[in-house]
Amino acid sequence: MIRVLVVEDSATMRHALREALAGDPDLQVVGEALDGGQAVELVGRLRPDVVTMDMMLPTMSGLAATEHIMAEFPTPILVVSSADRRELFSTYNALAAGAVDVMEKPRGDDSDAGWARRLCATVRLVSRIRVITHPRARLDGRSRTGAEPATGGPAAASSLPAGAPPVKVVALGASTGGPGALTELLRALPAGFAPPVLCVQHIAASEPFAVAFSDWLGGQTGRNVAYARDGTPVRSLAGRVVLAPPDRHLLVRDGQLRLSEAAPRHSCRPSVDVLFESVAAEYGASAAGCLLTGMGRDGALGLLQMRARGGQTFAQDEASCVVYGMPREAALLGAAGFVLPPARIAGRLGELVSAVGVRR
């Protein structure tokens, strides 16, 4: 039995959540909280397996409640939120603070068909995530301990190769836990970091949630962040962060960004593998690839291709991951030249660029 705490101040929405969860015999609502303070208290007392968290709550916001819960009683949190812009930014802040997934509230139209089934499936998925992070220590740009963890593996001890070619592009991939990891990495890049950063972030939410992510990430990192546009020359994107748009693969071909509606890979569109494979083919040793926290194995084979073509490859270390899935697969394949927390990955990228320069 998966024990669920529902946090929602609207009686109507609480009823909808309760009814939806009651449709799955393996899910049990063990408590309901009407504000953030009560949510923190009930998590400590009931120790549920999953929390469904509204963002706009009285007394203590859903964001503040998420931070407290993840600092004091780490528990998988599913944000159930509306697509209002103010609430969207709070939702992404909550994801950076340790919430593991987001689901939009019912809209009251045809899109609600199957909402209860999707909610139950997502709660089941979230319940399997082992939450061990302490987001408050990560939100100010440090790893949980404030220092690089000792992984003990040869990848962690590797040094950057002498005589490496200039890095023309950096490719990033992330899934569950990605907003926080991306924020940490991008904040830690040197101010004058010139290579374009191409990024695939899996966001299992509707388009309004996904579209707002670029504005949120830009505000968090102080960098120029935007969604990719088909046909844009990569060389025109110096110093920018470019995201794969919702439900489109992002790849590079003939020096230009390309967007594709091809079939999903690993049930994902956009897929990290699609981006990494195209960058490996296009740039070879002049590229760097980074695979961050996430469930599944998307990106591992693509990162291996990047390494085989001479690119510098990085995987996030287990200690700093919300979900050590995708990076673990990359490490097992030997795809990662370095295994580090996000800020240290950024430091190594900065060292590589400053050591060899960037051809403009």
Protein backbone atom coordinates (compact mmCIF):
# COMPACT_ATOMS: atom_id res chain seq x y z
CA MET A 1 0.00 0.00 0.00
CA ILE A 2 1.33 3.45 -1.01
CA ARG A 3 0.42 6.00 1.66
CA VAL A 4 -0.37 9.48 0.32
CA LEU A 5 -0.68 12.84 2.09
CA VAL A 6 -2.81 15.35 0.14
CA VAL A 7 -1.88 19.03 0.62
CA GLU A 8 -4.51 21.35 -0.88
CA ASP A 9 -6.51 24.27 0.53
CA SER A 10 -9.42 23.98 -1.93
CA ALA A 11 -12.14 21.62 -0.66
CA THR A 12 -13.23 20.95 -4.26
CA MET A 13 -9.71 20.01 -5.35
CA ARG A 14 -9.13 17.90 -2.24
CA HIS A 15 -12.27 15.96 -3.11
CA ALA A 16 -11.06 15.46 -6.70
CA LEU A 17 -7.69 14.19 -5.49
CA ARG A 18 -9.29 11.92 -2.92
CA GLU A 19 -11.70 10.44 -5.45
CA ALA A 20 -8.99 9.91 -8.04
CA LEU A 21 -6.61 8.19 -5.62
CA ALA A 22 -9.43 6.01 -4.27
CA GLY A 23 -9.72 4.47 -7.72
CA ASP A 24 -6.40 2.65 -7.23
CA PRO A 25 -6.56 -0.13 -4.61
CA ASP A 26 -2.84 0.23 -3.89
CA LEU A 27 -3.08 3.91 -2.95
CA GLN A 28 -4.30 5.12 0.43
CA VAL A 29 -4.88 8.73 1.49
CA VAL A 30 -3.59 8.84 5.06
CA GLY A 31 -4.09 12.55 5.69
CA GLU A 32 -5.05 15.93 4.28
CA ALA A 33 -3.41 19.29 4.98
CA LEU A 34 -4.95 22.68 4.23
CA ASP A 35 -1.79 24.78 4.55
CA GLY A 36 1.97 24.38 4.40
CA GLY A 37 2.56 24.39 8.14
CA GLN A 38 0.07 21.59 8.65
CA ALA A 39 1.69 19.69 5.77
CA VAL A 40 5.10 19.78 7.45
CA GLU A 41 3.61 18.65 10.75
CA LEU A 42 1.67 15.77 9.16
CA VAL A 43 4.64 14.54 7.16
CA GLY A 44 6.65 14.32 10.37
CA ARG A 45 3.86 12.51 12.20
CA LEU A 46 2.42 10.25 9.47
CA ARG A 47 5.57 9.67 7.36
CA PRO A 48 3.66 9.13 4.09
CA ASP A 49 5.25 7.53 1.02
CA VAL A 50 4.20 10.41 -1.27
CA VAL A 51 2.97 14.00 -0.79
CA THR A 52 0.78 15.71 -3.39
CA MET A 53 1.57 19.42 -2.94
CA ASP A 54 -0.36 22.49 -4.01
CA MET A 55 1.77 25.63 -4.37
CA MET A 56 -0.60 28.45 -3.42
CA LEU A 57 -1.39 27.75 0.23
CA PRO A 58 -2.27 30.00 3.18
CA THR A 59 0.09 30.60 6.13
CA MET A 60 3.03 28.72 4.60
CA SER A 61 3.35 28.34 0.83
CA GLY A 62 3.77 25.03 -0.93
CA LEU A 63 7.33 26.04 -1.83
CA ALA A 64 8.25 26.75 1.79
CA ALA A 65 6.57 23.51 2.88
CA THR A 66 8.55 21.59 0.25
CA GLU A 67 11.82 23.09 1.51
CA HIS A 68 10.99 22.21 5.11
CA ILE A 69 9.87 18.68 4.29
CA MET A 70 12.94 17.94 2.17
CA ALA A 71 15.23 19.35 4.86
CA GLU A 72 13.59 17.58 7.79
CA PHE A 73 11.68 14.51 6.50
CA PRO A 74 12.80 13.81 2.91
CA THR A 75 9.72 12.47 1.11
CA PRO A 76 8.84 12.17 -2.59
CA ILE A 77 6.71 15.21 -3.45
CA LEU A 78 4.44 15.46 -6.49
CA VAL A 79 3.46 19.07 -7.18
CA VAL A 80 -0.16 19.30 -8.36
CA SER A 81 -0.49 22.84 -9.63
CA SER A 82 -2.28 25.13 -12.05
CA ALA A 83 -0.73 26.75 -15.13
CA ASP A 84 -1.02 30.28 -13.71
CA ARG A 85 2.30 32.06 -14.38
CA ARG A 86 2.95 33.00 -10.74
CA GLU A 87 2.21 29.43 -9.69
CA LEU A 88 4.41 28.05 -12.47
CA PHE A 89 7.47 29.84 -11.13
CA SER A 90 6.73 28.56 -7.62
CA THR A 91 6.39 25.08 -9.11
CA TYR A 92 9.85 25.21 -10.68
CA ASN A 93 11.30 26.58 -7.45
CA ALA A 94 9.76 23.59 -5.68
CA LEU A 95 11.30 21.20 -8.23
CA ALA A 96 14.68 22.83 -7.61
CA ALA A 97 14.06 22.43 -3.88
CA GLY A 98 13.56 18.68 -4.16
CA ALA A 99 10.03 17.98 -5.41
CA VAL A 100 10.38 15.19 -7.95
CA ASP A 101 7.59 15.73 -10.47
CA VAL A 102 4.72 18.01 -11.45
CA MET A 103 1.19 17.43 -12.67
CA GLU A 104 -1.32 20.02 -13.81
CA LYS A 105 -4.65 20.32 -12.03
CA PRO A 106 -7.80 19.50 -14.02
CA ARG A 107 -8.73 22.32 -16.39
CA GLY A 108 -12.45 21.56 -16.60
CA ASP A 109 -12.33 20.73 -20.32
CA ASP A 110 -11.70 17.76 -22.60
CA SER A 111 -8.06 17.56 -21.49
CA ASP A 112 -9.29 16.18 -18.15
CA ALA A 113 -10.09 12.81 -19.71
CA GLY A 114 -7.84 10.26 -18.05
CA TRP A 115 -6.58 12.77 -15.44
CA ALA A 116 -7.38 10.46 -12.50
CA ARG A 117 -5.57 7.57 -14.17
CA ARG A 118 -2.53 9.76 -14.89
CA LEU A 119 -2.49 10.98 -11.29
CA CYS A 120 -2.47 7.45 -9.89
CA ALA A 121 0.25 6.35 -12.31
CA THR A 122 2.40 9.35 -11.42
CA VAL A 123 1.96 8.80 -7.69
CA ARG A 124 3.05 5.18 -8.17
CA LEU A 125 6.12 6.30 -10.10
CA VAL A 126 7.05 9.00 -7.60
CA SER A 127 6.73 6.58 -4.68
CA ARG A 128 9.63 4.51 -6.05
CA ILE A 129 12.08 7.42 -5.95
CA ARG A 130 14.50 7.28 -3.04
CA VAL A 131 14.76 10.88 -1.90
CA ILE A 132 17.99 11.56 -0.04
CA THR A 133 18.86 15.13 -0.95
CA HIS A 134 19.01 18.19 1.26
CA PRO A 135 17.93 20.93 -1.18
CA ARG A 136 18.65 23.86 1.12
CA ALA A 137 22.34 23.04 0.87
CA ARG A 138 22.06 22.82 -2.92
CA LEU A 139 20.03 25.94 -3.66
CA ASP A 140 22.95 28.24 -2.84
CA GLY A 141 25.13 26.54 -5.43
CA ARG A 142 26.90 23.91 -3.32
CA SER A 143 26.61 20.16 -3.23
CA ARG A 144 25.04 18.64 -0.14
CA THR A 145 28.36 18.65 1.74
CA GLY A 146 29.67 21.84 0.15
CA ALA A 147 32.55 19.90 -1.35
CA GLU A 148 33.24 17.47 -4.14
CA PRO A 149 32.36 13.95 -2.98
CA ALA A 150 35.03 11.29 -3.08
CA THR A 151 33.61 8.76 -5.52
CA GLY A 152 36.75 6.67 -5.46
CA GLY A 153 36.46 5.81 -9.16
CA PRO A 154 39.06 6.54 -11.83
CA ALA A 155 36.69 8.92 -13.61
CA ALA A 156 36.70 11.26 -10.63
CA ALA A 157 40.47 11.33 -10.52
CA SER A 158 40.98 11.94 -14.26
CA SER A 159 42.62 15.16 -15.36
CA LEU A 160 41.73 17.16 -18.42
CA PRO A 161 43.74 16.05 -21.44
CA ALA A 162 46.59 18.18 -22.71
CA GLY A 163 46.18 19.55 -26.20
CA ALA A 164 42.41 19.02 -26.36
CA PRO A 165 40.68 20.85 -29.22
CA PRO A 166 38.52 23.90 -28.50
CA VAL A 167 35.06 23.15 -27.14
CA LYS A 168 32.55 24.46 -29.66
CA VAL A 169 29.38 23.22 -27.95
CA VAL A 170 28.20 21.71 -24.65
CA ALA A 171 25.25 19.28 -24.57
CA LEU A 172 23.33 18.69 -21.34
CA GLY A 173 20.67 16.11 -20.51
CA ALA A 174 18.54 15.85 -17.37
CA SER A 175 15.26 14.43 -16.13
CA THR A 176 13.89 14.00 -12.59
CA GLY A 177 15.70 16.48 -10.33
CA GLY A 178 17.04 18.31 -13.37
CA PRO A 179 15.86 21.87 -12.62
CA GLY A 180 17.99 22.03 -9.48
CA ALA A 181 21.00 20.33 -11.08
CA LEU A 182 20.85 22.55 -14.18
CA THR A 183 20.59 25.64 -12.02
CA GLU A 184 23.63 24.62 -10.00
CA LEU A 185 25.71 23.82 -13.08
CA LEU A 186 24.79 26.94 -15.06
CA ARG A 187 25.34 29.24 -12.09
CA ALA A 188 28.82 27.80 -11.62
CA LEU A 189 29.98 28.31 -15.22
CA PRO A 190 32.43 31.20 -15.64
CA ALA A 191 30.79 34.51 -16.52
CA GLY A 192 32.42 34.61 -19.95
CA PHE A 193 31.72 30.99 -20.86
CA ALA A 194 31.25 31.19 -24.63
CA PRO A 195 30.34 27.75 -26.03
CA PRO A 196 26.59 27.37 -26.61
CA VAL A 197 24.89 25.05 -24.14
CA LEU A 198 22.23 22.80 -25.70
CA CYS A 199 19.92 21.17 -23.19
CA VAL A 200 17.27 18.48 -23.04
CA GLN A 201 15.24 18.52 -19.81
CA HIS A 202 12.44 15.97 -19.52
CA ILE A 203 9.35 17.71 -18.18
CA ALA A 204 6.36 15.43 -17.73
CA ALA A 205 3.81 18.21 -17.79
CA SER A 206 1.63 20.16 -20.19
CA GLU A 207 3.00 22.75 -22.59
CA PRO A 208 2.26 25.79 -20.38
CA PHE A 209 4.45 24.30 -17.64
CA ALA A 210 7.25 23.48 -20.04
CA VAL A 211 7.25 26.82 -21.88
CA ALA A 212 7.70 28.77 -18.64
CA PHE A 213 10.81 26.75 -17.79
CA SER A 214 13.11 28.86 -19.98
CA ASP A 215 12.09 32.10 -18.23
CA TRP A 216 12.48 30.49 -14.83
CA LEU A 217 15.91 29.01 -15.61
CA GLY A 218 17.14 32.31 -17.04
CA GLY A 219 16.03 34.13 -13.90
CA GLN A 220 17.69 31.56 -11.65
CA THR A 221 21.03 31.58 -13.45
CA GLY A 222 21.35 35.05 -14.95
CA ARG A 223 22.02 33.50 -18.36
CA ASN A 224 20.38 33.96 -21.74
CA VAL A 225 18.01 30.98 -21.89
CA ALA A 226 15.55 30.31 -24.71
CA TYR A 227 13.85 27.47 -26.55
CA ALA A 228 15.48 26.24 -29.74
CA ARG A 229 14.27 27.47 -33.12
CA ASP A 230 14.67 25.25 -36.15
CA GLY A 231 17.43 26.33 -38.54
CA THR A 232 19.36 28.55 -36.10
CA PRO A 233 23.12 28.42 -36.78
CA VAL A 234 24.90 27.06 -33.71
CA ARG A 235 27.77 29.50 -34.12
CA SER A 236 25.31 32.38 -33.56
CA LEU A 237 24.48 31.09 -30.07
CA ALA A 238 27.72 31.89 -28.22
CA GLY A 239 27.13 32.29 -24.49
CA ARG A 240 23.50 31.15 -24.70
CA VAL A 241 21.57 28.25 -23.20
CA VAL A 242 19.18 26.62 -25.67
CA LEU A 243 16.44 24.22 -24.54
CA ALA A 244 14.64 21.52 -26.48
CA PRO A 245 11.02 22.69 -26.80
CA PRO A 246 8.11 20.60 -25.51
CA ASP A 247 7.48 17.40 -27.45
CA ARG A 248 10.27 18.00 -30.00
CA HIS A 249 13.65 16.33 -30.35
CA LEU A 250 16.57 18.78 -30.51
CA LEU A 251 19.56 17.89 -32.67
CA VAL A 252 22.38 19.50 -34.64
CA ARG A 253 22.89 18.97 -38.36
CA ASP A 254 25.19 20.87 -40.76
CA GLY A 255 25.93 23.47 -38.10
CA GLN A 256 22.27 24.27 -37.46
CA LEU A 257 19.73 23.43 -34.78
CA ARG A 258 17.04 21.07 -35.97
CA LEU A 259 13.75 20.16 -34.32
CA SER A 260 12.12 16.83 -35.02
CA GLU A 261 8.81 15.10 -34.41
CA ALA A 262 10.37 11.65 -34.89
CA ALA A 263 9.23 8.83 -32.62
CA PRO A 264 10.13 9.08 -28.91
CA ARG A 265 13.29 7.37 -27.65
CA HIS A 266 13.05 5.61 -24.27
CA SER A 267 9.46 6.97 -24.22
CA CYS A 268 10.93 10.49 -24.30
CA ARG A 269 10.50 13.34 -26.75
CA PRO A 270 12.71 15.30 -26.50
CA SER A 271 15.34 12.62 -26.00
CA VAL A 272 18.83 13.21 -24.61
CA ASP A 273 20.22 10.41 -26.79
CA VAL A 274 19.01 12.15 -29.95
CA LEU A 275 20.84 15.35 -28.98
CA PHE A 276 24.03 13.61 -27.82
CA GLU A 277 24.26 11.41 -30.92
CA SER A 278 23.90 14.38 -33.24
CA VAL A 279 26.50 16.40 -31.35
CA ALA A 280 28.91 13.45 -31.41
CA ALA A 281 28.53 13.15 -35.19
CA GLU A 282 28.73 16.90 -35.83
CA TYR A 283 31.48 18.01 -33.42
CA GLY A 284 33.42 14.94 -32.31
CA ALA A 285 36.27 15.94 -29.99
CA SER A 286 35.15 19.59 -30.06
CA ALA A 287 32.12 18.88 -27.85
CA ALA A 288 31.42 18.22 -24.19
CA GLY A 289 28.46 16.19 -22.90
CA CYS A 290 26.95 16.16 -19.42
CA LEU A 291 24.32 13.69 -18.20
CA LEU A 292 22.57 14.78 -15.02
CA THR A 293 20.07 13.34 -12.55
CA GLY A 294 17.10 11.41 -13.90
CA MET A 295 15.18 8.16 -13.99
CA GLY A 296 15.80 5.64 -16.77
CA ARG A 297 18.65 5.40 -19.25
CA ASP A 298 18.06 8.14 -21.83
CA GLY A 299 21.37 9.77 -22.75
CA ALA A 300 23.74 7.00 -21.64
CA LEU A 301 24.36 5.54 -25.10
CA GLY A 302 24.55 8.99 -26.64
CA LEU A 303 27.15 10.04 -24.09
CA LEU A 304 29.13 6.90 -24.94
CA GLN A 305 29.09 7.94 -28.59
CA MET A 306 30.37 11.39 -27.64
CA ARG A 307 33.24 9.86 -25.68
CA ALA A 308 34.06 7.45 -28.51
CA ARG A 309 34.37 10.46 -30.85
CA GLY A 310 36.81 12.16 -28.47
CA GLY A 311 34.41 14.52 -26.66
CA GLN A 312 34.76 15.35 -22.98
CA THR A 313 32.00 13.54 -21.08
CA PHE A 314 30.59 14.03 -17.58
CA ALA A 315 28.00 12.25 -15.44
CA GLN A 316 26.53 13.58 -12.21
CA ASP A 317 27.68 11.70 -9.11
CA GLU A 318 25.26 9.61 -7.05
CA ALA A 319 25.54 11.71 -3.89
CA SER A 320 24.18 14.85 -5.57
CA CYS A 321 21.50 13.19 -7.74
CA VAL A 322 17.82 13.23 -6.87
CA VAL A 323 17.57 10.03 -8.97
CA TYR A 324 20.78 8.19 -9.84
CA GLY A 325 19.40 6.52 -12.94
CA MET A 326 20.59 8.06 -16.20
CA PRO A 327 24.06 8.97 -14.85
CA ARG A 328 24.42 5.48 -13.38
CA GLU A 329 23.72 3.90 -16.76
CA ALA A 330 26.34 6.16 -18.33
CA ALA A 331 28.91 5.24 -15.67
CA LEU A 332 28.23 1.52 -16.11
CA LEU A 333 28.78 1.83 -19.87
CA GLY A 334 32.05 3.68 -19.40
CA ALA A 335 30.54 6.71 -21.10
CA ALA A 336 31.57 9.22 -18.44
CA GLY A 337 35.09 10.59 -18.37
CA PHE A 338 34.30 12.44 -15.16
CA VAL A 339 31.81 11.70 -12.36
CA LEU A 340 31.16 14.87 -10.38
CA PRO A 341 28.43 17.05 -8.81
CA PRO A 342 27.04 19.78 -11.10
CA ALA A 343 29.11 22.69 -9.80
CA ARG A 344 32.32 20.70 -10.21
CA ILE A 345 31.29 19.71 -13.73
CA ALA A 346 30.95 23.43 -14.48
CA GLY A 347 34.39 24.04 -13.01
CA ARG A 348 35.93 21.38 -15.24
CA LEU A 349 34.19 22.83 -18.29
CA GLY A 350 35.53 26.26 -17.39
CA GLU A 351 39.05 24.84 -17.01
CA LEU A 352 38.82 23.14 -20.38
CA VAL A 353 37.65 26.28 -22.17
CA SER A 354 40.20 28.56 -20.47
CA ALA A 355 43.02 26.09 -21.14
CA VAL A 356 42.48 25.72 -24.88
CA GLY A 357 40.49 28.85 -25.77
CA VAL A 358 37.40 28.99 -27.92
CA ARG A 359 37.52 29.58 -31.66
CA ARG A 360 34.98 32.15 -32.60
